[in-house]
N, C-alpha and C. Protein backbone atom coordinates (compact mmCIF):
# COMPACT_ATOMS: atom_id res chain seq x y z
N UNK A 1 0.84 -1.18 0.00
CA UNK A 1 0.00 0.00 0.00
C UNK A 1 0.89 1.24 0.00
N UNK A 2 0.60 2.16 -0.92
CA UNK A 2 1.40 3.38 -1.03
C UNK A 2 0.81 4.46 -0.14
N UNK A 3 1.70 5.17 0.52
CA UNK A 3 1.29 6.29 1.35
C UNK A 3 1.57 7.57 0.59
N UNK A 4 0.55 8.10 -0.06
CA UNK A 4 0.74 9.32 -0.85
C UNK A 4 0.22 10.51 -0.06
N UNK A 5 0.93 11.60 -0.19
CA UNK A 5 0.51 12.83 0.48
C UNK A 5 -0.68 13.42 -0.25
N UNK A 6 -1.60 14.03 0.47
CA UNK A 6 -2.73 14.66 -0.21
C UNK A 6 -2.24 15.80 -1.08
N UNK A 7 -2.96 16.07 -2.16
CA UNK A 7 -2.54 17.17 -3.05
C UNK A 7 -2.57 18.50 -2.30
N UNK A 8 -1.67 19.35 -2.70
CA UNK A 8 -1.55 20.67 -2.09
C UNK A 8 -2.73 21.55 -2.50
N UNK A 9 -3.13 22.44 -1.61
CA UNK A 9 -4.22 23.38 -1.92
C UNK A 9 -3.74 24.38 -2.97
N UNK A 10 -4.67 24.91 -3.76
CA UNK A 10 -4.32 25.86 -4.82
C UNK A 10 -3.68 27.11 -4.25
N UNK A 11 -4.07 27.51 -3.05
CA UNK A 11 -3.53 28.74 -2.47
C UNK A 11 -2.17 28.54 -1.83
N UNK A 12 -1.64 27.32 -1.88
CA UNK A 12 -0.28 27.07 -1.43
C UNK A 12 0.70 27.01 -2.60
N UNK A 13 0.20 27.22 -3.79
CA UNK A 13 1.05 27.22 -4.99
C UNK A 13 2.14 28.28 -4.84
N UNK A 14 3.36 27.92 -5.22
CA UNK A 14 4.51 28.79 -5.05
C UNK A 14 4.29 30.17 -5.67
N UNK A 15 3.86 30.23 -6.92
CA UNK A 15 3.69 31.52 -7.60
C UNK A 15 2.53 32.31 -7.03
N UNK A 16 1.49 31.64 -6.62
CA UNK A 16 0.36 32.34 -6.02
C UNK A 16 0.79 33.02 -4.72
N UNK A 17 1.54 32.33 -3.90
CA UNK A 17 2.00 32.91 -2.63
C UNK A 17 2.91 34.11 -2.90
N UNK A 18 3.84 33.99 -3.85
CA UNK A 18 4.74 35.10 -4.15
C UNK A 18 3.99 36.33 -4.69
N UNK A 19 3.00 36.11 -5.54
CA UNK A 19 2.21 37.23 -6.06
C UNK A 19 1.43 37.88 -4.92
N UNK A 20 0.87 37.09 -4.04
CA UNK A 20 0.12 37.64 -2.91
C UNK A 20 1.04 38.47 -2.00
N UNK A 21 2.27 38.01 -1.80
CA UNK A 21 3.19 38.72 -0.92
C UNK A 21 3.65 40.05 -1.51
N UNK A 22 4.02 40.05 -2.77
CA UNK A 22 4.70 41.22 -3.34
C UNK A 22 3.84 42.08 -4.27
N UNK A 23 2.63 41.65 -4.60
CA UNK A 23 1.81 42.44 -5.51
C UNK A 23 0.46 42.80 -4.87
N UNK A 24 -0.15 41.87 -4.18
CA UNK A 24 -1.52 42.09 -3.74
C UNK A 24 -1.62 42.40 -2.25
N UNK A 25 -1.15 41.51 -1.40
CA UNK A 25 -1.43 41.61 0.02
C UNK A 25 -0.32 42.16 0.90
N UNK A 26 0.91 42.05 0.45
CA UNK A 26 2.02 42.47 1.30
C UNK A 26 2.09 41.62 2.55
N UNK A 27 2.23 42.25 3.71
CA UNK A 27 2.39 41.48 4.94
C UNK A 27 1.16 40.64 5.31
N UNK A 28 0.00 40.97 4.74
CA UNK A 28 -1.18 40.16 5.02
C UNK A 28 -1.11 38.79 4.32
N UNK A 29 -0.16 38.63 3.41
CA UNK A 29 0.04 37.35 2.75
C UNK A 29 0.98 36.42 3.50
N UNK A 30 1.57 36.91 4.59
CA UNK A 30 2.51 36.08 5.35
C UNK A 30 1.90 34.78 5.90
N UNK A 31 0.65 34.78 6.36
CA UNK A 31 0.08 33.48 6.78
C UNK A 31 0.05 32.46 5.65
N UNK A 32 -0.20 32.91 4.41
CA UNK A 32 -0.16 31.98 3.28
C UNK A 32 1.24 31.38 3.13
N UNK A 33 2.24 32.23 3.27
CA UNK A 33 3.63 31.77 3.15
C UNK A 33 3.94 30.73 4.22
N UNK A 34 3.61 31.04 5.47
CA UNK A 34 4.00 30.17 6.57
C UNK A 34 3.21 28.87 6.63
N UNK A 35 2.05 28.83 5.99
CA UNK A 35 1.27 27.58 5.96
C UNK A 35 1.58 26.74 4.72
N UNK A 36 2.27 27.33 3.76
CA UNK A 36 2.56 26.63 2.52
C UNK A 36 3.65 25.58 2.73
N UNK A 37 3.42 24.37 2.25
CA UNK A 37 4.44 23.31 2.37
C UNK A 37 5.53 23.41 1.30
N UNK A 38 5.40 24.34 0.36
CA UNK A 38 6.34 24.44 -0.75
C UNK A 38 7.60 25.24 -0.42
N UNK A 39 7.66 25.84 0.74
CA UNK A 39 8.81 26.65 1.13
C UNK A 39 9.46 26.03 2.37
N UNK A 40 10.79 26.03 2.37
CA UNK A 40 11.50 25.56 3.56
C UNK A 40 11.52 26.68 4.60
N UNK A 41 11.81 26.34 5.83
CA UNK A 41 11.83 27.35 6.90
C UNK A 41 12.81 28.48 6.60
N UNK A 42 14.05 28.21 6.12
CA UNK A 42 14.94 29.34 5.80
C UNK A 42 14.36 30.25 4.72
N UNK A 43 13.71 29.69 3.70
CA UNK A 43 13.11 30.52 2.66
C UNK A 43 11.93 31.32 3.19
N UNK A 44 11.21 30.74 4.12
CA UNK A 44 10.10 31.49 4.73
C UNK A 44 10.63 32.71 5.47
N UNK A 45 11.76 32.55 6.17
CA UNK A 45 12.35 33.70 6.88
C UNK A 45 12.88 34.74 5.90
N UNK A 46 13.51 34.29 4.83
CA UNK A 46 14.03 35.23 3.82
C UNK A 46 12.87 36.00 3.19
N UNK A 47 11.83 35.31 2.79
CA UNK A 47 10.69 35.98 2.15
C UNK A 47 9.93 36.87 3.13
N UNK A 48 9.88 36.48 4.39
CA UNK A 48 9.24 37.34 5.40
C UNK A 48 10.03 38.64 5.55
N UNK A 49 11.35 38.53 5.63
CA UNK A 49 12.20 39.72 5.75
C UNK A 49 12.05 40.62 4.52
N UNK A 50 12.07 40.03 3.33
CA UNK A 50 11.91 40.81 2.10
C UNK A 50 10.54 41.49 2.05
N UNK A 51 9.51 40.80 2.49
CA UNK A 51 8.17 41.37 2.49
C UNK A 51 8.09 42.56 3.43
N UNK A 52 8.68 42.44 4.61
CA UNK A 52 8.66 43.54 5.57
C UNK A 52 9.45 44.73 5.02
N UNK A 53 10.63 44.49 4.47
CA UNK A 53 11.43 45.58 3.90
C UNK A 53 10.70 46.25 2.73
N UNK A 54 10.10 45.46 1.87
CA UNK A 54 9.35 45.97 0.72
C UNK A 54 8.17 46.82 1.20
N UNK A 55 7.48 46.37 2.23
CA UNK A 55 6.35 47.12 2.77
C UNK A 55 6.80 48.44 3.38
N UNK A 56 7.91 48.43 4.10
CA UNK A 56 8.44 49.67 4.68
C UNK A 56 8.82 50.64 3.58
N UNK A 57 9.49 50.14 2.55
CA UNK A 57 9.88 50.99 1.42
C UNK A 57 8.66 51.58 0.72
N UNK A 58 7.63 50.77 0.46
CA UNK A 58 6.42 51.27 -0.19
C UNK A 58 5.72 52.32 0.67
N UNK A 59 5.71 52.11 1.97
CA UNK A 59 5.08 53.08 2.88
C UNK A 59 5.84 54.40 2.84
N UNK A 60 7.17 54.35 2.91
CA UNK A 60 7.99 55.57 2.87
C UNK A 60 7.81 56.29 1.53
N UNK A 61 7.77 55.54 0.44
CA UNK A 61 7.58 56.15 -0.88
C UNK A 61 6.20 56.80 -0.99
N UNK A 62 5.19 56.17 -0.42
CA UNK A 62 3.84 56.75 -0.44
C UNK A 62 3.78 58.04 0.36
N UNK A 63 4.42 58.05 1.52
CA UNK A 63 4.45 59.27 2.34
C UNK A 63 5.16 60.39 1.59
N UNK A 64 6.29 60.07 0.97
CA UNK A 64 7.03 61.05 0.20
C UNK A 64 6.18 61.61 -0.95
N UNK A 65 5.45 60.75 -1.63
CA UNK A 65 4.59 61.18 -2.74
C UNK A 65 3.48 62.11 -2.25
N UNK A 66 2.85 61.76 -1.14
CA UNK A 66 1.78 62.61 -0.61
C UNK A 66 2.33 63.97 -0.20
N UNK A 67 3.51 63.98 0.43
CA UNK A 67 4.13 65.26 0.81
C UNK A 67 4.44 66.11 -0.42
N UNK A 68 4.94 65.49 -1.49
CA UNK A 68 5.26 66.23 -2.71
C UNK A 68 4.00 66.80 -3.35
N UNK A 69 2.95 66.03 -3.38
CA UNK A 69 1.68 66.52 -3.95
C UNK A 69 1.14 67.66 -3.10
N UNK A 70 1.23 67.54 -1.79
CA UNK A 70 0.75 68.60 -0.90
C UNK A 70 1.54 69.90 -1.12
N UNK A 71 2.88 69.78 -1.21
CA UNK A 71 3.71 70.98 -1.47
C UNK A 71 3.35 71.62 -2.80
N UNK A 72 3.19 70.81 -3.82
CA UNK A 72 2.87 71.34 -5.15
C UNK A 72 1.49 72.00 -5.14
N UNK A 73 0.54 71.41 -4.44
CA UNK A 73 -0.79 72.01 -4.33
C UNK A 73 -0.70 73.36 -3.65
N UNK A 74 0.09 73.45 -2.60
CA UNK A 74 0.24 74.74 -1.89
C UNK A 74 0.88 75.79 -2.79
N UNK A 75 1.85 75.36 -3.62
CA UNK A 75 2.46 76.29 -4.58
C UNK A 75 1.43 76.80 -5.58
N UNK A 76 0.64 75.90 -6.09
CA UNK A 76 -0.39 76.29 -7.08
C UNK A 76 -1.44 77.20 -6.46
N UNK A 77 -1.81 76.94 -5.23
CA UNK A 77 -2.78 77.80 -4.57
C UNK A 77 -2.22 79.20 -4.34
N UNK A 78 -0.90 79.30 -4.19
CA UNK A 78 -0.26 80.61 -4.07
C UNK A 78 -0.27 81.38 -5.38
N UNK A 79 -0.20 80.66 -6.48
CA UNK A 79 -0.19 81.29 -7.80
C UNK A 79 -1.61 81.68 -8.20
N UNK A 80 -2.59 80.83 -7.90
CA UNK A 80 -3.99 81.08 -8.25
C UNK A 80 -4.81 81.25 -6.98
N UNK A 81 -4.84 82.45 -6.41
CA UNK A 81 -5.60 82.65 -5.16
C UNK A 81 -7.10 82.54 -5.35
């Protein structure tokens, strides 16, 4: 009798998890990563670190963009009272 592992869930697919981490969900995709059997523990730590750094960078870039738009709006309001 063969002991076969049950098929993996579709949401544990390697590419699906990576897209969720870096394109759609960011840190909210980390539970998918940690429950997925397709990644080893060291890779889970590497991807967790990259996800956190990527999220921090995106947050800082968003803040910078909002500040730039606010400054430009204030300049335009000074020109057109």
